[in-house]
Amino acid sequence: MRFFDRNTIAYAKITIDPGDKDHRYITEELGYTAAPVIILRFTSGANPHTVHWGGHRMDMLMATKSLVTNIRAAVETETADEAAQVPA
């Protein structure tokens, strides 16, 4: 969570209890036996999908940071392009 906070990446912390639906999803559907489990859901675009991993994997965290940085840059460029097209 500190990594996401330091890099201003929004997240939702979910506390699970043995047997609840989130616990069943993580253990039965995803196959994890220990926390933390990081789940990224990409819902926009033509091909929504989910990426997940267990543990504090710095390689995956850095890849997430890079992805978020690239998305932010693309959005800023798109916003600037749209503003340039608006007649004064």
Protein backbone atom coordinates (compact mmCIF):
# COMPACT_ATOMS: atom_id res chain seq x y z
CA MET A 1 0.00 0.00 0.00
CA ARG A 2 2.90 2.35 0.70
CA PHE A 3 4.16 1.80 -2.85
CA PHE A 4 0.78 2.71 -4.31
CA ASP A 5 0.48 5.72 -1.99
CA ARG A 6 3.98 7.01 -2.88
CA ASN A 7 3.19 6.72 -6.57
CA THR A 8 -0.35 8.12 -6.30
CA ILE A 9 -1.91 4.94 -7.66
CA ALA A 10 -5.48 4.42 -6.51
CA TYR A 11 -6.29 1.09 -4.88
CA ALA A 12 -8.85 -0.61 -2.71
CA LYS A 13 -7.70 -2.61 0.29
CA ILE A 14 -9.92 -5.59 0.91
CA THR A 15 -9.71 -7.40 4.22
CA ILE A 16 -10.77 -11.01 3.86
CA ASP A 17 -12.14 -13.40 6.43
CA PRO A 18 -11.85 -17.18 6.09
CA GLY A 19 -14.79 -18.51 4.12
CA ASP A 20 -16.12 -15.19 2.83
CA LYS A 21 -16.62 -14.62 -0.91
CA ASP A 22 -13.34 -12.71 -1.33
CA HIS A 23 -11.41 -15.47 0.48
CA ARG A 24 -13.03 -18.12 -1.72
CA TYR A 25 -12.21 -16.11 -4.85
CA ILE A 26 -8.53 -15.73 -3.89
CA THR A 27 -8.06 -19.33 -2.75
CA GLU A 28 -10.39 -21.33 -4.98
CA GLU A 29 -10.46 -19.34 -8.21
CA LEU A 30 -6.99 -17.78 -8.19
CA GLY A 31 -5.22 -20.49 -6.18
CA TYR A 32 -3.39 -18.37 -3.58
CA THR A 33 -2.75 -19.57 -0.04
CA ALA A 34 -1.10 -16.46 1.44
CA ALA A 35 -1.53 -12.69 1.38
CA PRO A 36 -1.00 -10.17 0.00
CA VAL A 37 -2.57 -10.79 -3.37
CA ILE A 38 -2.53 -7.91 -5.85
CA ILE A 39 -5.27 -7.91 -8.47
CA LEU A 40 -5.33 -5.41 -11.33
CA ARG A 41 -8.52 -5.20 -13.35
CA PHE A 42 -8.34 -3.58 -16.76
CA THR A 43 -11.93 -2.83 -17.66
CA SER A 44 -11.74 -0.31 -20.49
CA GLY A 45 -11.05 -1.04 -24.09
CA ALA A 46 -12.10 -3.91 -26.29
CA ASN A 47 -10.34 -6.61 -24.25
CA PRO A 48 -10.92 -6.26 -20.48
CA HIS A 49 -8.79 -8.61 -18.38
CA THR A 50 -7.30 -9.22 -14.94
CA VAL A 51 -3.67 -9.58 -13.85
CA HIS A 52 -2.79 -10.89 -10.40
CA TRP A 53 0.17 -11.99 -8.32
CA GLY A 54 0.99 -12.96 -4.77
CA GLY A 55 3.51 -11.32 -2.49
CA HIS A 56 5.55 -8.15 -2.64
CA ARG A 57 6.94 -8.51 -6.16
CA MET A 58 8.89 -5.38 -6.92
CA ASP A 59 9.11 -6.30 -10.62
CA MET A 60 5.34 -6.34 -10.90
CA LEU A 61 4.94 -3.19 -8.81
CA MET A 62 7.43 -1.33 -11.02
CA ALA A 63 5.64 -2.58 -14.15
CA THR A 64 2.37 -1.30 -12.68
CA LYS A 65 3.96 2.09 -11.96
CA SER A 66 5.27 2.26 -15.53
CA LEU A 67 1.87 1.33 -16.95
CA VAL A 68 0.09 3.97 -14.86
CA THR A 69 2.67 6.60 -15.87
CA ASN A 70 2.15 5.76 -19.56
CA ILE A 71 -1.64 5.88 -19.23
CA ARG A 72 -1.46 9.25 -17.47
CA ALA A 73 0.83 10.64 -20.20
CA ALA A 74 -1.52 9.38 -22.93
CA VAL A 75 -4.53 10.95 -21.22
CA GLU A 76 -2.70 14.27 -20.82
CA THR A 77 -1.68 14.22 -24.50
CA GLU A 78 -5.23 13.39 -25.58
CA THR A 79 -6.64 16.16 -23.38
CA ALA A 80 -4.13 18.67 -24.78
CA ASP A 81 -4.95 17.60 -28.36
CA GLU A 82 -8.67 18.03 -27.72
CA ALA A 83 -8.12 21.46 -26.17
CA ALA A 84 -6.07 22.54 -29.20
CA GLN A 85 -8.95 21.59 -31.51
CA VAL A 86 -11.52 23.75 -29.71
CA PRO A 87 -12.00 27.05 -31.57
CA ALA A 88 -11.30 30.14 -29.47
